[in-house]
N, C-alpha and C. Protein backbone atom coordinates (compact mmCIF):
# COMPACT_ATOMS: atom_id res chain seq x y z
N UNK A 1 0.85 -1.17 0.00
CA UNK A 1 0.00 0.00 0.00
C UNK A 1 0.90 1.24 0.00
N UNK A 2 0.65 2.14 -0.89
CA UNK A 2 1.46 3.36 -0.95
C UNK A 2 1.05 4.29 0.18
N UNK A 3 1.96 5.21 0.52
CA UNK A 3 1.67 6.17 1.59
C UNK A 3 0.42 6.99 1.28
N UNK A 4 0.20 7.30 -0.02
CA UNK A 4 -0.97 8.10 -0.39
C UNK A 4 -2.27 7.33 -0.15
N UNK A 5 -2.23 6.00 -0.30
CA UNK A 5 -3.44 5.20 -0.14
C UNK A 5 -3.72 4.83 1.31
N UNK A 6 -2.77 5.10 2.19
CA UNK A 6 -2.93 4.73 3.59
C UNK A 6 -3.77 5.75 4.34
N UNK A 7 -4.55 5.26 5.26
CA UNK A 7 -5.25 6.12 6.19
C UNK A 7 -4.21 6.72 7.15
N UNK A 8 -4.44 7.90 7.69
CA UNK A 8 -3.45 8.49 8.60
C UNK A 8 -3.09 7.59 9.79
N UNK A 9 -4.07 6.90 10.37
CA UNK A 9 -3.77 6.04 11.51
C UNK A 9 -2.87 4.88 11.09
N UNK A 10 -3.05 4.39 9.85
CA UNK A 10 -2.21 3.31 9.35
C UNK A 10 -0.76 3.78 9.16
N UNK A 11 -0.61 5.02 8.71
CA UNK A 11 0.73 5.58 8.50
C UNK A 11 1.46 5.71 9.84
N UNK A 12 0.74 6.17 10.86
CA UNK A 12 1.35 6.31 12.19
C UNK A 12 1.76 4.94 12.71
N UNK A 13 0.86 3.96 12.62
CA UNK A 13 1.16 2.60 13.09
C UNK A 13 2.34 2.02 12.32
N UNK A 14 2.37 2.23 11.02
CA UNK A 14 3.47 1.72 10.20
C UNK A 14 4.80 2.37 10.61
N UNK A 15 4.77 3.66 10.89
CA UNK A 15 6.00 4.35 11.31
C UNK A 15 6.52 3.78 12.63
N UNK A 16 5.62 3.52 13.58
CA UNK A 16 6.05 2.95 14.87
C UNK A 16 6.62 1.56 14.64
N UNK A 17 5.94 0.74 13.82
CA UNK A 17 6.44 -0.60 13.53
C UNK A 17 7.85 -0.54 12.92
N UNK A 18 8.03 0.38 11.99
CA UNK A 18 9.32 0.52 11.32
C UNK A 18 10.40 0.94 12.32
N UNK A 19 10.07 1.83 13.23
CA UNK A 19 11.04 2.26 14.25
C UNK A 19 11.41 1.10 15.17
N UNK A 20 10.45 0.20 15.44
CA UNK A 20 10.74 -0.99 16.24
C UNK A 20 11.66 -1.92 15.46
N UNK A 21 11.33 -2.16 14.19
CA UNK A 21 12.16 -3.04 13.36
C UNK A 21 13.59 -2.54 13.26
N UNK A 22 13.75 -1.22 13.12
CA UNK A 22 15.08 -0.62 13.00
C UNK A 22 15.76 -0.43 14.36
N UNK A 23 15.05 -0.83 15.42
CA UNK A 23 15.52 -0.72 16.80
C UNK A 23 15.76 0.73 17.23
N UNK A 24 15.04 1.64 16.59
CA UNK A 24 15.04 3.03 17.05
C UNK A 24 14.16 3.15 18.28
N UNK A 25 13.13 2.29 18.36
CA UNK A 25 12.31 2.14 19.55
C UNK A 25 12.57 0.73 20.08
N UNK A 26 12.90 0.65 21.36
CA UNK A 26 13.25 -0.63 21.97
C UNK A 26 12.22 -1.00 23.03
N UNK A 27 12.17 -2.27 23.42
CA UNK A 27 11.24 -2.68 24.48
C UNK A 27 11.36 -1.79 25.71
N UNK A 28 10.21 -1.35 26.19
CA UNK A 28 10.15 -0.48 27.37
C UNK A 28 10.18 0.99 27.04
N UNK A 29 10.56 1.35 25.81
CA UNK A 29 10.58 2.77 25.44
C UNK A 29 9.16 3.33 25.47
N UNK A 30 9.06 4.56 25.94
CA UNK A 30 7.77 5.24 25.99
C UNK A 30 7.56 5.99 24.67
N UNK A 31 6.37 5.84 24.11
CA UNK A 31 6.02 6.58 22.90
C UNK A 31 5.66 8.01 23.25
N UNK A 32 5.74 8.88 22.26
CA UNK A 32 5.28 10.25 22.46
C UNK A 32 3.80 10.21 22.85
N UNK A 33 3.33 11.26 23.48
CA UNK A 33 1.93 11.32 23.89
C UNK A 33 1.03 11.43 22.66
N UNK A 34 -0.23 11.15 22.87
CA UNK A 34 -1.22 11.28 21.80
C UNK A 34 -1.19 12.68 21.22
N UNK A 35 -1.15 13.68 22.08
CA UNK A 35 -1.14 15.07 21.62
C UNK A 35 0.11 15.39 20.80
N UNK A 36 1.27 14.92 21.28
CA UNK A 36 2.51 15.17 20.56
C UNK A 36 2.50 14.53 19.17
N UNK A 37 2.03 13.28 19.11
CA UNK A 37 1.97 12.60 17.81
C UNK A 37 0.93 13.24 16.90
N UNK A 38 -0.19 13.67 17.48
CA UNK A 38 -1.22 14.34 16.68
C UNK A 38 -0.66 15.61 16.06
N UNK A 39 0.12 16.36 16.84
CA UNK A 39 0.75 17.58 16.30
C UNK A 39 1.77 17.24 15.23
N UNK A 40 2.59 16.22 15.48
CA UNK A 40 3.64 15.87 14.52
C UNK A 40 3.06 15.40 13.19
N UNK A 41 1.99 14.63 13.24
CA UNK A 41 1.38 14.10 12.02
C UNK A 41 0.26 14.99 11.49
N UNK A 42 -0.05 16.05 12.19
CA UNK A 42 -1.13 16.97 11.80
C UNK A 42 -2.45 16.23 11.63
N UNK A 43 -2.80 15.47 12.68
CA UNK A 43 -4.06 14.72 12.69
C UNK A 43 -4.75 14.96 14.02
N UNK A 44 -5.98 14.49 14.12
CA UNK A 44 -6.74 14.59 15.37
C UNK A 44 -6.21 13.55 16.36
N UNK A 45 -6.33 13.83 17.66
CA UNK A 45 -5.89 12.86 18.66
C UNK A 45 -6.56 11.49 18.51
N UNK A 46 -7.81 11.49 18.06
CA UNK A 46 -8.51 10.21 17.84
C UNK A 46 -7.83 9.35 16.80
N UNK A 47 -7.19 9.98 15.84
CA UNK A 47 -6.47 9.24 14.80
C UNK A 47 -5.27 8.52 15.42
N UNK A 48 -4.58 9.20 16.31
CA UNK A 48 -3.44 8.59 17.01
C UNK A 48 -3.94 7.45 17.89
N UNK A 49 -5.06 7.67 18.58
CA UNK A 49 -5.63 6.62 19.43
C UNK A 49 -5.97 5.38 18.60
N UNK A 50 -6.47 5.58 17.40
CA UNK A 50 -6.79 4.45 16.52
C UNK A 50 -5.52 3.70 16.13
N UNK A 51 -4.44 4.44 15.85
CA UNK A 51 -3.15 3.80 15.55
C UNK A 51 -2.67 3.01 16.77
N UNK A 52 -2.78 3.59 17.96
CA UNK A 52 -2.38 2.90 19.17
C UNK A 52 -3.20 1.63 19.38
N UNK A 53 -4.50 1.70 19.10
CA UNK A 53 -5.36 0.52 19.25
C UNK A 53 -4.88 -0.60 18.33
N UNK A 54 -4.52 -0.25 17.11
CA UNK A 54 -4.02 -1.25 16.17
C UNK A 54 -2.70 -1.84 16.66
N UNK A 55 -1.82 -1.00 17.15
CA UNK A 55 -0.52 -1.47 17.66
C UNK A 55 -0.69 -2.34 18.90
N UNK A 56 -1.66 -1.99 19.76
CA UNK A 56 -1.94 -2.84 20.94
C UNK A 56 -2.47 -4.19 20.49
N UNK A 57 -3.40 -4.16 19.55
CA UNK A 57 -4.01 -5.40 19.04
C UNK A 57 -2.94 -6.32 18.45
N UNK A 58 -1.95 -5.72 17.79
CA UNK A 58 -0.90 -6.52 17.16
C UNK A 58 0.22 -6.91 18.12
N UNK A 59 0.12 -6.48 19.37
CA UNK A 59 1.11 -6.87 20.37
C UNK A 59 2.39 -6.09 20.31
N UNK A 60 2.37 -4.89 19.70
CA UNK A 60 3.57 -4.08 19.59
C UNK A 60 3.73 -3.15 20.79
N UNK A 61 2.62 -2.62 21.30
CA UNK A 61 2.68 -1.70 22.43
C UNK A 61 1.69 -2.12 23.51
N UNK A 62 1.86 -1.55 24.68
CA UNK A 62 0.86 -1.64 25.74
C UNK A 62 0.71 -0.24 26.32
N UNK A 63 -0.41 0.02 26.93
CA UNK A 63 -0.69 1.35 27.47
C UNK A 63 -1.10 1.27 28.92
N UNK A 64 -0.70 2.29 29.68
CA UNK A 64 -1.13 2.47 31.07
C UNK A 64 -1.81 3.82 31.15
N UNK A 65 -3.05 3.84 31.59
CA UNK A 65 -3.78 5.10 31.72
C UNK A 65 -3.01 6.05 32.63
N UNK A 66 -2.80 7.25 32.13
CA UNK A 66 -2.10 8.28 32.89
C UNK A 66 -0.58 8.21 32.81
N UNK A 67 -0.05 7.10 32.30
CA UNK A 67 1.40 6.95 32.21
C UNK A 67 1.90 6.98 30.77
N UNK A 68 1.08 6.49 29.85
CA UNK A 68 1.49 6.51 28.46
C UNK A 68 1.48 5.14 27.82
N UNK A 69 2.05 5.08 26.61
CA UNK A 69 2.13 3.84 25.84
C UNK A 69 3.60 3.47 25.65
N UNK A 70 3.87 2.16 25.73
CA UNK A 70 5.24 1.67 25.74
C UNK A 70 5.39 0.51 24.75
N UNK A 71 6.62 0.31 24.29
CA UNK A 71 6.92 -0.81 23.40
C UNK A 71 6.99 -2.08 24.23
N UNK A 72 6.30 -3.12 23.77
CA UNK A 72 6.29 -4.41 24.47
C UNK A 72 7.65 -5.10 24.37
N UNK A 73 7.92 -5.96 25.33
CA UNK A 73 9.16 -6.73 25.33
C UNK A 73 9.30 -7.59 24.07
N UNK A 74 8.19 -8.16 23.63
CA UNK A 74 8.23 -9.07 22.47
C UNK A 74 7.71 -8.41 21.20
N UNK A 75 7.89 -7.10 21.09
CA UNK A 75 7.35 -6.36 19.94
C UNK A 75 7.93 -6.87 18.62
N UNK A 76 9.22 -7.16 18.59
CA UNK A 76 9.83 -7.66 17.36
C UNK A 76 9.24 -9.00 16.96
N UNK A 77 8.98 -9.86 17.94
CA UNK A 77 8.35 -11.16 17.64
C UNK A 77 6.97 -10.96 17.04
N UNK A 78 6.23 -10.02 17.59
CA UNK A 78 4.88 -9.74 17.09
C UNK A 78 4.92 -9.26 15.64
N UNK A 79 5.94 -8.48 15.32
CA UNK A 79 6.07 -7.97 13.96
C UNK A 79 6.56 -9.04 13.00
N UNK A 80 7.30 -10.01 13.51
CA UNK A 80 7.89 -11.03 12.65
C UNK A 80 6.91 -12.13 12.28
N UNK A 81 5.81 -12.24 12.99
CA UNK A 81 4.89 -13.35 12.75
C UNK A 81 3.53 -12.84 12.30
N UNK A 82 3.36 -12.61 10.99
CA UNK A 82 2.07 -12.11 10.52
C UNK A 82 0.93 -13.10 10.73
N UNK A 83 1.24 -14.39 10.75
CA UNK A 83 0.20 -15.39 10.98
C UNK A 83 -0.38 -15.23 12.38
N UNK A 84 0.46 -14.99 13.35
CA UNK A 84 -0.02 -14.80 14.72
C UNK A 84 -0.90 -13.57 14.80
N UNK A 85 -0.53 -12.51 14.09
CA UNK A 85 -1.35 -11.30 14.07
C UNK A 85 -2.72 -11.59 13.46
N UNK A 86 -2.73 -12.33 12.37
CA UNK A 86 -4.00 -12.68 11.72
C UNK A 86 -4.87 -13.50 12.66
N UNK A 87 -4.27 -14.46 13.33
CA UNK A 87 -5.03 -15.29 14.28
C UNK A 87 -5.58 -14.44 15.41
N UNK A 88 -4.76 -13.53 15.93
CA UNK A 88 -5.21 -12.65 17.02
C UNK A 88 -6.40 -11.81 16.56
N UNK A 89 -6.34 -11.26 15.35
CA UNK A 89 -7.46 -10.46 14.83
C UNK A 89 -8.71 -11.31 14.68
N UNK A 90 -8.56 -12.53 14.16
CA UNK A 90 -9.72 -13.42 14.01
C UNK A 90 -10.32 -13.78 15.36
N UNK A 91 -9.48 -14.02 16.35
CA UNK A 91 -9.99 -14.32 17.69
C UNK A 91 -10.78 -13.14 18.25
N UNK A 92 -10.29 -11.93 18.02
CA UNK A 92 -11.02 -10.75 18.49
C UNK A 92 -12.36 -10.61 17.77
N UNK A 93 -12.37 -10.87 16.47
CA UNK A 93 -13.61 -10.77 15.70
C UNK A 93 -14.62 -11.82 16.16
N UNK A 94 -14.14 -13.04 16.43
CA UNK A 94 -15.03 -14.10 16.92
C UNK A 94 -15.60 -13.72 18.28
N UNK A 95 -14.76 -13.19 19.17
CA UNK A 95 -15.24 -12.78 20.49
C UNK A 95 -16.29 -11.68 20.36
N UNK A 96 -16.05 -10.73 19.46
CA UNK A 96 -17.00 -9.64 19.24
C UNK A 96 -18.33 -10.19 18.70
N UNK A 97 -18.26 -11.08 17.72
CA UNK A 97 -19.48 -11.66 17.15
C UNK A 97 -20.23 -12.50 18.18
N UNK A 98 -19.50 -13.23 19.01
CA UNK A 98 -20.13 -14.04 20.05
C UNK A 98 -20.88 -13.14 21.04
N UNK A 99 -20.25 -12.04 21.44
CA UNK A 99 -20.91 -11.11 22.37
C UNK A 99 -22.15 -10.51 21.73
N UNK A 100 -22.06 -10.16 20.46
CA UNK A 100 -23.23 -9.61 19.76
C UNK A 100 -24.36 -10.62 19.69
N UNK A 101 -24.02 -11.86 19.36
CA UNK A 101 -25.03 -12.91 19.26
C UNK A 101 -25.71 -13.13 20.60
N UNK A 102 -24.92 -13.13 21.67
CA UNK A 102 -25.49 -13.30 23.01
C UNK A 102 -26.46 -12.17 23.34
N UNK A 103 -26.12 -10.94 22.96
CA UNK A 103 -27.03 -9.81 23.22
C UNK A 103 -28.32 -9.96 22.41
N UNK A 104 -28.21 -10.38 21.17
CA UNK A 104 -29.39 -10.56 20.33
C UNK A 104 -30.28 -11.64 20.93
N UNK A 105 -29.68 -12.76 21.33
CA UNK A 105 -30.46 -13.85 21.93
C UNK A 105 -31.10 -13.41 23.23
N UNK A 106 -30.38 -12.63 24.02
CA UNK A 106 -30.94 -12.14 25.28
C UNK A 106 -32.11 -11.20 25.02
N UNK A 107 -31.98 -10.32 24.04
CA UNK A 107 -33.07 -9.42 23.68
C UNK A 107 -34.28 -10.19 23.19
N UNK A 108 -34.05 -11.24 22.43
CA UNK A 108 -35.18 -12.05 21.94
C UNK A 108 -35.88 -12.75 23.09
N UNK A 109 -35.10 -13.28 24.03
CA UNK A 109 -35.72 -13.94 25.19
C UNK A 109 -36.52 -12.95 26.01
N UNK A 110 -35.97 -11.74 26.19
CA UNK A 110 -36.67 -10.71 26.95
C UNK A 110 -37.96 -10.31 26.26
N UNK A 111 -37.90 -10.20 24.94
CA UNK A 111 -39.08 -9.82 24.17
C UNK A 111 -40.16 -10.89 24.20
N UNK A 112 -39.78 -12.16 24.16
CA UNK A 112 -40.78 -13.24 24.15
C UNK A 112 -41.39 -13.43 25.53
N UNK A 113 -40.67 -13.05 26.60
CA UNK A 113 -41.21 -13.16 27.95
C UNK A 113 -42.29 -12.11 28.20
N UNK A 114 -42.22 -10.98 27.49
CA UNK A 114 -43.18 -9.91 27.69
C UNK A 114 -44.48 -10.16 26.94
N UNK A 115 -44.48 -11.05 25.99
CA UNK A 115 -45.71 -11.31 25.22
C UNK A 115 -46.54 -12.38 25.83
């Protein structure tokens, strides 16, 4: 995907991944704040948050509320195994669909009890 075709959040996530691969960011390093990255990339803070969510999902970073976001110890391993990333995404999608199905079934049961 060319830089022009990428969404801004994808570009930010790709830049962080590349910095990890090049060892410019190492395990335990703290990332710039959402506001700092938003200013640097000229995007809204929500765009940076979306990039962080993708990086967390892929096992590259972890975040502590009030402290910031940091590079995971095994970030390079997470980047080296695209199959594991795909499996992790599928597991998240299955969990999301399961939760949705449970809510639908619960709503149906509630509706049939009222009739």
